[in-house]
Amino acid sequence: MGQICKGICERLKPNSMPNNLRYKSGQKRCGLYNCFLEYEGAFCPCCKTRLRSKPRSKKVWNQL
């Protein structure tokens, strides 16, 4: 079953900033569409996949 983008993610895209500050400022990442969102929920409103709220890299994680 394929995921269909509903276009909601385009409206929730934040302003650009350095990658190491994105998670610190509260942005979350949708792994399916590879985009950052400013959204309070745990699941992407567009495709319903779980949003990542912490970086995978230990280098970035130690800076937080």
N, C-alpha and C. Protein backbone atom coordinates (compact mmCIF):
# COMPACT_ATOMS: atom_id res chain seq x y z
N MET A 1 0.84 -1.18 0.00
CA MET A 1 0.00 0.00 0.00
C MET A 1 0.89 1.24 0.00
N GLY A 2 0.78 2.07 -1.00
CA GLY A 2 1.59 3.26 -1.12
C GLY A 2 1.00 4.44 -0.37
N GLN A 3 1.85 5.34 0.06
CA GLN A 3 1.42 6.53 0.76
C GLN A 3 1.18 7.64 -0.26
N ILE A 4 0.14 8.42 -0.05
CA ILE A 4 -0.19 9.51 -0.95
C ILE A 4 -0.05 10.82 -0.18
N CYS A 5 0.72 11.75 -0.73
CA CYS A 5 0.89 13.06 -0.11
C CYS A 5 -0.37 13.88 -0.33
N LYS A 6 -0.89 14.44 0.75
CA LYS A 6 -2.10 15.25 0.68
C LYS A 6 -1.79 16.74 0.58
N GLY A 7 -0.52 17.12 0.62
CA GLY A 7 -0.11 18.51 0.51
C GLY A 7 -0.13 19.29 1.81
N ILE A 8 -0.47 18.65 2.90
CA ILE A 8 -0.52 19.32 4.19
C ILE A 8 0.88 19.69 4.65
N CYS A 9 1.85 18.85 4.33
CA CYS A 9 3.23 19.09 4.77
C CYS A 9 3.80 20.38 4.17
N GLU A 10 3.35 20.76 3.01
CA GLU A 10 3.84 22.00 2.39
C GLU A 10 3.45 23.22 3.21
N ARG A 11 2.30 23.19 3.85
CA ARG A 11 1.85 24.32 4.66
C ARG A 11 2.54 24.38 6.01
N LEU A 12 3.07 23.25 6.47
CA LEU A 12 3.70 23.19 7.80
C LEU A 12 5.21 23.31 7.75
N LYS A 13 5.79 23.52 6.59
CA LYS A 13 7.25 23.62 6.48
C LYS A 13 7.73 24.90 7.15
N PRO A 14 8.73 24.79 8.02
CA PRO A 14 9.28 25.96 8.72
C PRO A 14 10.32 26.68 7.87
N ASN A 15 10.78 27.81 8.39
CA ASN A 15 11.87 28.53 7.74
C ASN A 15 13.14 27.70 7.85
N SER A 16 14.07 27.92 6.95
CA SER A 16 15.31 27.15 6.96
C SER A 16 16.22 27.62 8.10
N MET A 17 16.99 26.68 8.63
CA MET A 17 17.96 26.95 9.68
C MET A 17 18.99 25.84 9.65
N PRO A 18 20.12 26.01 10.35
CA PRO A 18 21.12 24.94 10.38
C PRO A 18 20.53 23.64 10.93
N ASN A 19 20.97 22.51 10.37
CA ASN A 19 20.41 21.21 10.73
C ASN A 19 20.56 20.87 12.21
N ASN A 20 21.65 21.31 12.84
CA ASN A 20 21.85 20.94 14.25
C ASN A 20 20.92 21.72 15.18
N LEU A 21 20.23 22.72 14.69
CA LEU A 21 19.30 23.48 15.53
C LEU A 21 17.84 23.12 15.29
N ARG A 22 17.56 22.31 14.30
CA ARG A 22 16.17 21.99 13.95
C ARG A 22 15.44 21.27 15.07
N TYR A 23 16.04 20.21 15.60
CA TYR A 23 15.39 19.45 16.67
C TYR A 23 15.32 20.26 17.95
N LYS A 24 16.34 21.08 18.19
CA LYS A 24 16.38 21.90 19.39
C LYS A 24 15.27 22.94 19.40
N SER A 25 14.89 23.42 18.23
CA SER A 25 13.83 24.43 18.14
C SER A 25 12.43 23.81 18.09
N GLY A 26 12.34 22.47 18.13
CA GLY A 26 11.04 21.82 18.18
C GLY A 26 10.54 21.27 16.87
N GLN A 27 11.34 21.34 15.82
CA GLN A 27 10.91 20.80 14.53
C GLN A 27 11.03 19.28 14.54
N LYS A 28 10.19 18.63 13.76
CA LYS A 28 10.20 17.18 13.64
C LYS A 28 10.36 16.81 12.17
N ARG A 29 10.89 15.60 11.91
CA ARG A 29 11.20 15.19 10.56
C ARG A 29 10.31 14.02 10.13
N CYS A 30 9.73 14.14 8.95
CA CYS A 30 8.98 13.05 8.35
C CYS A 30 9.96 12.22 7.55
N GLY A 31 10.11 10.97 7.90
CA GLY A 31 11.07 10.09 7.23
C GLY A 31 10.64 9.68 5.84
N LEU A 32 9.34 9.64 5.58
CA LEU A 32 8.86 9.22 4.28
C LEU A 32 9.10 10.28 3.21
N TYR A 33 8.81 11.53 3.53
CA TYR A 33 8.97 12.62 2.56
C TYR A 33 10.24 13.41 2.76
N ASN A 34 11.02 13.08 3.80
CA ASN A 34 12.30 13.73 4.06
C ASN A 34 12.16 15.24 4.19
N CYS A 35 11.22 15.67 5.03
CA CYS A 35 11.03 17.10 5.24
C CYS A 35 10.82 17.37 6.73
N PHE A 36 11.17 18.57 7.16
CA PHE A 36 10.98 18.98 8.55
C PHE A 36 9.66 19.73 8.65
N LEU A 37 8.97 19.54 9.79
CA LEU A 37 7.68 20.17 10.02
C LEU A 37 7.67 20.82 11.40
N GLU A 38 6.90 21.89 11.53
CA GLU A 38 6.61 22.45 12.83
C GLU A 38 5.21 21.96 13.19
N TYR A 39 5.16 20.87 13.94
CA TYR A 39 3.90 20.20 14.24
C TYR A 39 4.00 19.58 15.62
N GLU A 40 2.94 19.67 16.41
CA GLU A 40 2.95 19.17 17.78
C GLU A 40 2.68 17.68 17.89
N GLY A 41 2.01 17.08 16.94
CA GLY A 41 1.65 15.67 17.02
C GLY A 41 2.83 14.75 16.80
N ALA A 42 2.61 13.46 17.06
CA ALA A 42 3.66 12.45 16.91
C ALA A 42 3.65 11.83 15.52
N PHE A 43 2.57 12.01 14.76
CA PHE A 43 2.46 11.41 13.43
C PHE A 43 2.26 12.51 12.39
N CYS A 44 2.81 12.30 11.22
CA CYS A 44 2.73 13.27 10.13
C CYS A 44 1.26 13.45 9.73
N PRO A 45 0.78 14.69 9.65
CA PRO A 45 -0.61 14.90 9.29
C PRO A 45 -0.89 14.58 7.82
N CYS A 46 0.15 14.47 7.03
CA CYS A 46 0.00 14.22 5.60
C CYS A 46 -0.04 12.73 5.27
N CYS A 47 0.93 11.98 5.80
CA CYS A 47 1.04 10.57 5.42
C CYS A 47 0.86 9.61 6.59
N LYS A 48 0.67 10.12 7.80
CA LYS A 48 0.41 9.33 9.00
C LYS A 48 1.58 8.44 9.45
N THR A 49 2.81 8.75 9.02
CA THR A 49 3.98 8.03 9.53
C THR A 49 4.49 8.74 10.78
N ARG A 50 5.21 8.02 11.61
CA ARG A 50 5.72 8.58 12.86
C ARG A 50 6.81 9.60 12.57
N LEU A 51 6.73 10.77 13.21
CA LEU A 51 7.72 11.82 13.04
C LEU A 51 8.90 11.59 13.96
N ARG A 52 10.08 11.90 13.48
CA ARG A 52 11.29 11.78 14.30
C ARG A 52 11.51 13.10 15.03
N SER A 53 11.63 13.04 16.35
CA SER A 53 11.82 14.25 17.14
C SER A 53 13.22 14.37 17.72
N LYS A 54 14.06 13.33 17.50
CA LYS A 54 15.44 13.34 17.97
C LYS A 54 16.34 12.99 16.79
N PRO A 55 17.54 13.54 16.75
CA PRO A 55 18.47 13.20 15.66
C PRO A 55 18.99 11.78 15.80
N ARG A 56 19.34 11.17 14.70
CA ARG A 56 19.92 9.82 14.71
C ARG A 56 21.42 9.88 14.98
N SER A 57 22.05 10.97 14.62
CA SER A 57 23.48 11.12 14.77
C SER A 57 23.84 11.43 16.23
N LYS A 58 24.82 10.73 16.77
CA LYS A 58 25.25 11.00 18.14
C LYS A 58 25.99 12.31 18.25
N LYS A 59 26.62 12.77 17.17
CA LYS A 59 27.32 14.05 17.19
C LYS A 59 26.33 15.19 17.45
N VAL A 60 25.23 15.17 16.74
CA VAL A 60 24.22 16.22 16.92
C VAL A 60 23.53 16.05 18.26
N TRP A 61 23.27 14.82 18.67
CA TRP A 61 22.58 14.55 19.92
C TRP A 61 23.39 15.07 21.11
N ASN A 62 24.71 14.97 21.07
CA ASN A 62 25.54 15.44 22.17
C ASN A 62 25.55 16.96 22.25
N GLN A 63 25.28 17.65 21.15
CA GLN A 63 25.24 19.09 21.16
C GLN A 63 23.94 19.62 21.78
N LEU A 64 22.91 18.80 21.80
CA LEU A 64 21.63 19.24 22.37
C LEU A 64 21.76 19.20 23.85
